[in-house]
PDB file of all heavy atoms in Angstrom:
ATOM      1  N   LYS A   1       7.417  -2.884 -26.897  1.00  0.00           N
ATOM      2  CA  LYS A   1       7.904  -2.140 -25.795  1.00  0.00           C
ATOM      3  C   LYS A   1       7.008  -2.462 -24.578  1.00  0.00           C
ATOM      4  O   LYS A   1       5.765  -2.641 -24.636  1.00  0.00           O
ATOM      5  CB  LYS A   1       7.784  -0.608 -26.119  1.00  0.00           C
ATOM      6  CG  LYS A   1       8.440   0.196 -25.021  1.00  0.00           C
ATOM      7  CD  LYS A   1       8.453   1.694 -25.417  1.00  0.00           C
ATOM      8  CE  LYS A   1       9.194   2.615 -24.399  1.00  0.00           C
ATOM      9  NZ  LYS A   1       9.137   3.979 -24.803  1.00  0.00           N
ATOM     10  N   LEU A   2       7.639  -2.561 -23.377  1.00  0.00           N
ATOM     11  CA  LEU A   2       6.894  -3.003 -22.188  1.00  0.00           C
ATOM     12  C   LEU A   2       5.930  -1.806 -21.803  1.00  0.00           C
ATOM     13  O   LEU A   2       6.318  -0.703 -21.468  1.00  0.00           O
ATOM     14  CB  LEU A   2       7.837  -3.195 -21.091  1.00  0.00           C
ATOM     15  CG  LEU A   2       7.285  -3.817 -19.732  1.00  0.00           C
ATOM     16  CD1 LEU A   2       6.829  -5.215 -19.919  1.00  0.00           C
ATOM     17  CD2 LEU A   2       8.328  -3.768 -18.606  1.00  0.00           C
ATOM     18  N   PRO A   3       4.637  -2.110 -21.882  1.00  0.00           N
ATOM     19  CA  PRO A   3       3.631  -0.999 -21.519  1.00  0.00           C
ATOM     20  C   PRO A   3       3.562  -0.870 -20.032  1.00  0.00           C
ATOM     21  O   PRO A   3       3.438  -1.813 -19.302  1.00  0.00           O
ATOM     22  CB  PRO A   3       2.375  -1.584 -22.125  1.00  0.00           C
ATOM     23  CG  PRO A   3       2.508  -3.082 -22.119  1.00  0.00           C
ATOM     24  CD  PRO A   3       3.983  -3.360 -22.270  1.00  0.00           C
ATOM     25  N   LEU A   4       3.567   0.390 -19.573  1.00  0.00           N
ATOM     26  CA  LEU A   4       3.544   0.762 -18.157  1.00  0.00           C
ATOM     27  C   LEU A   4       2.612   1.905 -17.902  1.00  0.00           C
ATOM     28  O   LEU A   4       2.732   2.910 -18.521  1.00  0.00           O
ATOM     29  CB  LEU A   4       4.959   1.183 -17.677  1.00  0.00           C
ATOM     30  CG  LEU A   4       6.023   0.096 -17.736  1.00  0.00           C
ATOM     31  CD1 LEU A   4       7.411   0.713 -17.651  1.00  0.00           C
ATOM     32  CD2 LEU A   4       5.883  -0.874 -16.537  1.00  0.00           C
ATOM     33  N   GLU A   5       1.650   1.642 -17.012  1.00  0.00           N
ATOM     34  CA  GLU A   5       0.700   2.780 -16.670  1.00  0.00           C
ATOM     35  C   GLU A   5       0.117   2.407 -15.247  1.00  0.00           C
ATOM     36  O   GLU A   5      -0.563   1.361 -15.070  1.00  0.00           O
ATOM     37  CB  GLU A   5      -0.438   2.778 -17.622  1.00  0.00           C
ATOM     38  CG  GLU A   5      -1.337   4.011 -17.328  1.00  0.00           C
ATOM     39  CD  GLU A   5      -2.289   4.163 -18.461  1.00  0.00           C
ATOM     40  OE1 GLU A   5      -2.085   3.836 -19.645  1.00  0.00           O
ATOM     41  OE2 GLU A   5      -3.511   4.641 -18.119  1.00  0.00           O
ATOM     42  N   LEU A   6       0.485   3.294 -14.249  1.00  0.00           N
ATOM     43  CA  LEU A   6       0.084   3.078 -12.910  1.00  0.00           C
ATOM     44  C   LEU A   6      -1.197   3.980 -12.640  1.00  0.00           C
ATOM     45  O   LEU A   6      -1.090   5.172 -12.800  1.00  0.00           O
ATOM     46  CB  LEU A   6       1.124   3.365 -11.937  1.00  0.00           C
ATOM     47  CG  LEU A   6       0.814   3.224 -10.460  1.00  0.00           C
ATOM     48  CD1 LEU A   6       0.549   1.777 -10.137  1.00  0.00           C
ATOM     49  CD2 LEU A   6       1.982   3.737  -9.535  1.00  0.00           C
ATOM     50  N   SER A   7      -2.363   3.385 -12.285  1.00  0.00           N
ATOM     51  CA  SER A   7      -3.468   4.116 -12.078  1.00  0.00           C
ATOM     52  C   SER A   7      -3.493   4.759 -10.648  1.00  0.00           C
ATOM     53  O   SER A   7      -2.828   4.170  -9.743  1.00  0.00           O
ATOM     54  CB  SER A   7      -4.792   3.365 -12.276  1.00  0.00           C
ATOM     55  OG  SER A   7      -4.877   2.232 -11.302  1.00  0.00           O
ATOM     56  N   PHE A   8      -4.215   5.830 -10.439  1.00  0.00           N
ATOM     57  CA  PHE A   8      -4.312   6.438  -9.105  1.00  0.00           C
ATOM     58  C   PHE A   8      -4.975   5.466  -8.091  1.00  0.00           C
ATOM     59  O   PHE A   8      -4.546   5.423  -6.924  1.00  0.00           O
ATOM     60  CB  PHE A   8      -5.038   7.674  -9.162  1.00  0.00           C
ATOM     61  CG  PHE A   8      -4.288   8.845  -9.767  1.00  0.00           C
ATOM     62  CD1 PHE A   8      -4.648   9.342 -11.002  1.00  0.00           C
ATOM     63  CD2 PHE A   8      -3.247   9.373  -9.129  1.00  0.00           C
ATOM     64  CE1 PHE A   8      -3.949  10.457 -11.652  1.00  0.00           C
ATOM     65  CE2 PHE A   8      -2.524  10.518  -9.627  1.00  0.00           C
ATOM     66  CZ  PHE A   8      -2.872  10.976 -10.958  1.00  0.00           C
ATOM     67  N   ILE A   9      -6.010   4.701  -8.619  1.00  0.00           N
ATOM     68  CA  ILE A   9      -6.688   3.851  -7.667  1.00  0.00           C
ATOM     69  C   ILE A   9      -5.749   2.775  -7.129  1.00  0.00           C
ATOM     70  O   ILE A   9      -5.622   2.381  -5.921  1.00  0.00           O
ATOM     71  CB  ILE A   9      -7.836   3.170  -8.439  1.00  0.00           C
ATOM     72  CG1 ILE A   9      -8.864   4.243  -8.759  1.00  0.00           C
ATOM     73  CG2 ILE A   9      -8.480   2.057  -7.623  1.00  0.00           C
ATOM     74  CD1 ILE A   9     -10.026   3.692  -9.569  1.00  0.00           C
ATOM     75  N   ASP A  10      -4.900   2.159  -8.081  1.00  0.00           N
ATOM     76  CA  ASP A  10      -3.945   1.107  -7.689  1.00  0.00           C
ATOM     77  C   ASP A  10      -2.882   1.728  -6.757  1.00  0.00           C
ATOM     78  O   ASP A  10      -2.401   1.100  -5.797  1.00  0.00           O
ATOM     79  CB  ASP A  10      -3.266   0.514  -8.933  1.00  0.00           C
ATOM     80  CG  ASP A  10      -4.258  -0.331  -9.680  1.00  0.00           C
ATOM     81  OD1 ASP A  10      -5.101  -0.859  -9.060  1.00  0.00           O
ATOM     82  OD2 ASP A  10      -4.039  -0.575 -10.912  1.00  0.00           O
ATOM     83  N   PHE A  11      -2.381   2.951  -7.034  1.00  0.00           N
ATOM     84  CA  PHE A  11      -1.307   3.550  -6.273  1.00  0.00           C
ATOM     85  C   PHE A  11      -1.846   3.739  -4.787  1.00  0.00           C
ATOM     86  O   PHE A  11      -1.203   3.367  -3.857  1.00  0.00           O
ATOM     87  CB  PHE A  11      -0.906   4.856  -6.871  1.00  0.00           C
ATOM     88  CG  PHE A  11       0.104   5.640  -5.949  1.00  0.00           C
ATOM     89  CD1 PHE A  11       1.346   5.174  -5.854  1.00  0.00           C
ATOM     90  CD2 PHE A  11      -0.351   6.788  -5.292  1.00  0.00           C
ATOM     91  CE1 PHE A  11       2.245   5.862  -5.007  1.00  0.00           C
ATOM     92  CE2 PHE A  11       0.624   7.462  -4.513  1.00  0.00           C
ATOM     93  CZ  PHE A  11       1.860   7.023  -4.425  1.00  0.00           C
ATOM     94  N   TYR A  12      -3.049   4.378  -4.672  1.00  0.00           N
ATOM     95  CA  TYR A  12      -3.637   4.583  -3.330  1.00  0.00           C
ATOM     96  C   TYR A  12      -3.934   3.204  -2.629  1.00  0.00           C
ATOM     97  O   TYR A  12      -3.775   3.120  -1.438  1.00  0.00           O
ATOM     98  CB  TYR A  12      -4.930   5.442  -3.487  1.00  0.00           C
ATOM     99  CG  TYR A  12      -4.577   6.901  -3.775  1.00  0.00           C
ATOM    100  CD1 TYR A  12      -5.232   7.481  -4.858  1.00  0.00           C
ATOM    101  CD2 TYR A  12      -3.708   7.628  -3.134  1.00  0.00           C
ATOM    102  CE1 TYR A  12      -4.956   8.792  -5.182  1.00  0.00           C
ATOM    103  CE2 TYR A  12      -3.360   8.919  -3.403  1.00  0.00           C
ATOM    104  CZ  TYR A  12      -4.040   9.580  -4.416  1.00  0.00           C
ATOM    105  OH  TYR A  12      -3.801  10.771  -4.767  1.00  0.00           O
ATOM    106  N   SER A  13      -4.300   2.224  -3.407  1.00  0.00           N
ATOM    107  CA  SER A  13      -4.695   0.885  -2.811  1.00  0.00           C
ATOM    108  C   SER A  13      -3.327   0.320  -2.195  1.00  0.00           C
ATOM    109  O   SER A  13      -3.363  -0.295  -1.099  1.00  0.00           O
ATOM    110  CB  SER A  13      -5.224  -0.016  -3.799  1.00  0.00           C
ATOM    111  OG  SER A  13      -6.431   0.474  -4.274  1.00  0.00           O
ATOM    112  N   ILE A  14      -2.261   0.500  -2.905  1.00  0.00           N
ATOM    113  CA  ILE A  14      -0.997  -0.053  -2.444  1.00  0.00           C
ATOM    114  C   ILE A  14      -0.554   0.650  -1.191  1.00  0.00           C
ATOM    115  O   ILE A  14      -0.162   0.081  -0.173  1.00  0.00           O
ATOM    116  CB  ILE A  14       0.047   0.097  -3.552  1.00  0.00           C
ATOM    117  CG1 ILE A  14      -0.243  -0.801  -4.701  1.00  0.00           C
ATOM    118  CG2 ILE A  14       1.513  -0.180  -3.051  1.00  0.00           C
ATOM    119  CD1 ILE A  14       0.655  -0.608  -5.928  1.00  0.00           C
ATOM    120  N   VAL A  15      -0.599   1.984  -1.196  1.00  0.00           N
ATOM    121  CA  VAL A  15      -0.179   2.798  -0.062  1.00  0.00           C
ATOM    122  C   VAL A  15      -1.049   2.478   1.092  1.00  0.00           C
ATOM    123  O   VAL A  15      -0.540   2.337   2.266  1.00  0.00           O
ATOM    124  CB  VAL A  15      -0.154   4.353  -0.433  1.00  0.00           C
ATOM    125  CG1 VAL A  15       0.161   5.234   0.788  1.00  0.00           C
ATOM    126  CG2 VAL A  15       0.902   4.649  -1.521  1.00  0.00           C
ATOM    127  N   LEU A  16      -2.401   2.602   0.913  1.00  0.00           N
ATOM    128  CA  LEU A  16      -3.352   2.332   2.065  1.00  0.00           C
ATOM    129  C   LEU A  16      -3.200   0.928   2.610  1.00  0.00           C
ATOM    130  O   LEU A  16      -3.124   0.817   3.827  1.00  0.00           O
ATOM    131  CB  LEU A  16      -4.718   2.632   1.594  1.00  0.00           C
ATOM    132  CG  LEU A  16      -5.137   4.041   1.317  1.00  0.00           C
ATOM    133  CD1 LEU A  16      -6.535   4.147   0.820  1.00  0.00           C
ATOM    134  CD2 LEU A  16      -5.009   4.945   2.608  1.00  0.00           C
ATOM    135  N   GLY A  17      -3.058  -0.049   1.739  1.00  0.00           N
ATOM    136  CA  GLY A  17      -2.773  -1.395   2.192  1.00  0.00           C
ATOM    137  C   GLY A  17      -1.486  -1.598   3.005  1.00  0.00           C
ATOM    138  O   GLY A  17      -1.544  -2.186   4.114  1.00  0.00           O
ATOM    139  N   ALA A  18      -0.509  -0.919   2.525  1.00  0.00           N
ATOM    140  CA  ALA A  18       0.788  -1.043   3.273  1.00  0.00           C
ATOM    141  C   ALA A  18       0.725  -0.348   4.621  1.00  0.00           C
ATOM    142  O   ALA A  18       1.305  -0.804   5.607  1.00  0.00           O
ATOM    143  CB  ALA A  18       1.905  -0.440   2.372  1.00  0.00           C
ATOM    144  N   VAL A  19       0.115   0.897   4.596  1.00  0.00           N
ATOM    145  CA  VAL A  19      -0.028   1.592   5.855  1.00  0.00           C
ATOM    146  C   VAL A  19      -0.881   0.884   6.940  1.00  0.00           C
ATOM    147  O   VAL A  19      -0.509   0.823   8.096  1.00  0.00           O
ATOM    148  CB  VAL A  19      -0.692   2.919   5.589  1.00  0.00           C
ATOM    149  CG1 VAL A  19      -1.061   3.625   6.843  1.00  0.00           C
ATOM    150  CG2 VAL A  19       0.242   3.896   4.840  1.00  0.00           C
ATOM    151  N   PHE A  20      -1.923   0.223   6.391  1.00  0.00           N
ATOM    152  CA  PHE A  20      -2.757  -0.642   7.251  1.00  0.00           C
ATOM    153  C   PHE A  20      -1.956  -1.745   7.901  1.00  0.00           C
ATOM    154  O   PHE A  20      -2.086  -2.040   9.115  1.00  0.00           O
ATOM    155  CB  PHE A  20      -3.984  -1.129   6.506  1.00  0.00           C
ATOM    156  CG  PHE A  20      -4.901  -1.996   7.317  1.00  0.00           C
ATOM    157  CD1 PHE A  20      -5.702  -1.385   8.289  1.00  0.00           C
ATOM    158  CD2 PHE A  20      -4.981  -3.367   7.130  1.00  0.00           C
ATOM    159  CE1 PHE A  20      -6.589  -2.191   9.011  1.00  0.00           C
ATOM    160  CE2 PHE A  20      -5.836  -4.161   7.920  1.00  0.00           C
ATOM    161  CZ  PHE A  20      -6.663  -3.546   8.908  1.00  0.00           C
ATOM    162  N   ILE A  21      -1.190  -2.441   7.068  1.00  0.00           N
ATOM    163  CA  ILE A  21      -0.348  -3.505   7.659  1.00  0.00           C
ATOM    164  C   ILE A  21       0.618  -3.092   8.611  1.00  0.00           C
ATOM    165  O   ILE A  21       0.885  -3.641   9.654  1.00  0.00           O
ATOM    166  CB  ILE A  21       0.345  -4.299   6.423  1.00  0.00           C
ATOM    167  CG1 ILE A  21      -0.610  -5.038   5.583  1.00  0.00           C
ATOM    168  CG2 ILE A  21       1.419  -5.241   6.884  1.00  0.00           C
ATOM    169  CD1 ILE A  21      -0.104  -5.582   4.280  1.00  0.00           C
ATOM    170  N   ILE A  22       1.267  -1.914   8.370  1.00  0.00           N
ATOM    171  CA  ILE A  22       2.330  -1.269   9.234  1.00  0.00           C
ATOM    172  C   ILE A  22       1.630  -0.960  10.629  1.00  0.00           C
ATOM    173  O   ILE A  22       2.179  -1.209  11.698  1.00  0.00           O
ATOM    174  CB  ILE A  22       2.912  -0.024   8.585  1.00  0.00           C
ATOM    175  CG1 ILE A  22       3.694  -0.466   7.309  1.00  0.00           C
ATOM    176  CG2 ILE A  22       3.893   0.632   9.604  1.00  0.00           C
ATOM    177  CD1 ILE A  22       4.772  -1.472   7.565  1.00  0.00           C
ATOM    178  N   ILE A  23       0.442  -0.423  10.563  1.00  0.00           N
ATOM    179  CA  ILE A  23      -0.226   0.043  11.817  1.00  0.00           C
ATOM    180  C   ILE A  23      -0.514  -1.148  12.670  1.00  0.00           C
ATOM    181  O   ILE A  23      -0.311  -1.227  13.818  1.00  0.00           O
ATOM    182  CB  ILE A  23      -1.519   0.781  11.518  1.00  0.00           C
ATOM    183  CG1 ILE A  23      -1.252   2.145  10.897  1.00  0.00           C
ATOM    184  CG2 ILE A  23      -2.410   0.924  12.723  1.00  0.00           C
ATOM    185  CD1 ILE A  23      -2.416   2.877  10.366  1.00  0.00           C
ATOM    186  N   LEU A  24      -1.079  -2.326  11.966  1.00  0.00           N
ATOM    187  CA  LEU A  24      -1.316  -3.541  12.780  1.00  0.00           C
ATOM    188  C   LEU A  24      -0.061  -4.134  13.370  1.00  0.00           C
ATOM    189  O   LEU A  24      -0.010  -4.628  14.477  1.00  0.00           O
ATOM    190  CB  LEU A  24      -1.997  -4.576  11.851  1.00  0.00           C
ATOM    191  CG  LEU A  24      -3.515  -4.347  11.438  1.00  0.00           C
ATOM    192  CD1 LEU A  24      -3.908  -5.430  10.582  1.00  0.00           C
ATOM    193  CD2 LEU A  24      -4.354  -4.137  12.713  1.00  0.00           C
ATOM    194  N   SER A  25       1.089  -4.096  12.508  1.00  0.00           N
ATOM    195  CA  SER A  25       2.285  -4.725  13.017  1.00  0.00           C
ATOM    196  C   SER A  25       2.880  -3.823  14.101  1.00  0.00           C
ATOM    197  O   SER A  25       3.580  -4.466  14.981  1.00  0.00           O
ATOM    198  CB  SER A  25       3.334  -4.688  11.774  1.00  0.00           C
ATOM    199  OG  SER A  25       2.808  -5.371  10.813  1.00  0.00           O
ATOM    200  N   SER A  26       2.680  -2.601  14.175  1.00  0.00           N
ATOM    201  CA  SER A  26       3.187  -1.760  15.240  1.00  0.00           C
ATOM    202  C   SER A  26       2.394  -1.811  16.550  1.00  0.00           C
ATOM    203  O   SER A  26       2.921  -1.604  17.655  1.00  0.00           O
ATOM    204  CB  SER A  26       3.367  -0.359  14.752  1.00  0.00           C
ATOM    205  OG  SER A  26       4.094  -0.212  13.698  1.00  0.00           O
ATOM    206  N   TYR A  27       1.086  -2.122  16.364  1.00  0.00           N
ATOM    207  CA  TYR A  27       0.165  -1.952  17.503  1.00  0.00           C
ATOM    208  C   TYR A  27       0.416  -3.051  18.614  1.00  0.00           C
ATOM    209  O   TYR A  27       0.510  -2.747  19.789  1.00  0.00           O
ATOM    210  CB  TYR A  27      -1.268  -2.017  17.051  1.00  0.00           C
ATOM    211  CG  TYR A  27      -2.218  -1.960  18.189  1.00  0.00           C
ATOM    212  CD1 TYR A  27      -2.554  -0.659  18.791  1.00  0.00           C
ATOM    213  CD2 TYR A  27      -2.872  -3.005  18.732  1.00  0.00           C
ATOM    214  CE1 TYR A  27      -3.469  -0.590  19.851  1.00  0.00           C
ATOM    215  CE2 TYR A  27      -3.753  -3.019  19.793  1.00  0.00           C
ATOM    216  CZ  TYR A  27      -4.015  -1.745  20.293  1.00  0.00           C
ATOM    217  OH  TYR A  27      -4.953  -1.685  21.432  1.00  0.00           O
ATOM    218  N   TYR A  28       0.551  -4.274  18.103  1.00  0.00           N
ATOM    219  CA  TYR A  28       0.795  -5.438  18.990  1.00  0.00           C
ATOM    220  C   TYR A  28       1.981  -5.317  19.954  1.00  0.00           C
ATOM    221  O   TYR A  28       1.818  -5.399  21.144  1.00  0.00           O
ATOM    222  CB  TYR A  28       0.717  -6.747  18.257  1.00  0.00           C
ATOM    223  CG  TYR A  28       0.952  -7.948  19.156  1.00  0.00           C
ATOM    224  CD1 TYR A  28       0.015  -8.404  20.052  1.00  0.00           C
ATOM    225  CD2 TYR A  28       2.201  -8.564  19.143  1.00  0.00           C
ATOM    226  CE1 TYR A  28       0.184  -9.493  20.843  1.00  0.00           C
ATOM    227  CE2 TYR A  28       2.406  -9.708  20.025  1.00  0.00           C
ATOM    228  CZ  TYR A  28       1.428 -10.112  20.765  1.00  0.00           C
ATOM    229  OH  TYR A  28       1.614 -11.214  21.666  1.00  0.00           O
ATOM    230  N   PRO A  29       3.092  -5.118  19.373  1.00  0.00           N
ATOM    231  CA  PRO A  29       4.348  -4.969  20.288  1.00  0.00           C
ATOM    232  C   PRO A  29       4.212  -3.665  21.241  1.00  0.00           C
ATOM    233  O   PRO A  29       4.743  -3.788  22.357  1.00  0.00           O
ATOM    234  CB  PRO A  29       5.474  -4.757  19.280  1.00  0.00           C
ATOM    235  CG  PRO A  29       5.045  -5.315  17.978  1.00  0.00           C
ATOM    236  CD  PRO A  29       3.592  -5.002  18.041  1.00  0.00           C
ATOM    237  N   ALA A  30       3.610  -2.602  20.733  1.00  0.00           N
ATOM    238  CA  ALA A  30       3.374  -1.480  21.535  1.00  0.00           C
ATOM    239  C   ALA A  30       2.472  -1.763  22.723  1.00  0.00           C
ATOM    240  O   ALA A  30       2.701  -1.311  23.812  1.00  0.00           O
ATOM    241  CB  ALA A  30       2.790  -0.325  20.737  1.00  0.00           C
TER     242      ALA A  30
END
């Protein structure tokens, strides 16, 4: 069976990384 387990550290890293990229992408055109 395909083992699946998402850790809190990985989840927060994904969200924070994505948010950081979005902020940078929005700042320059603004």
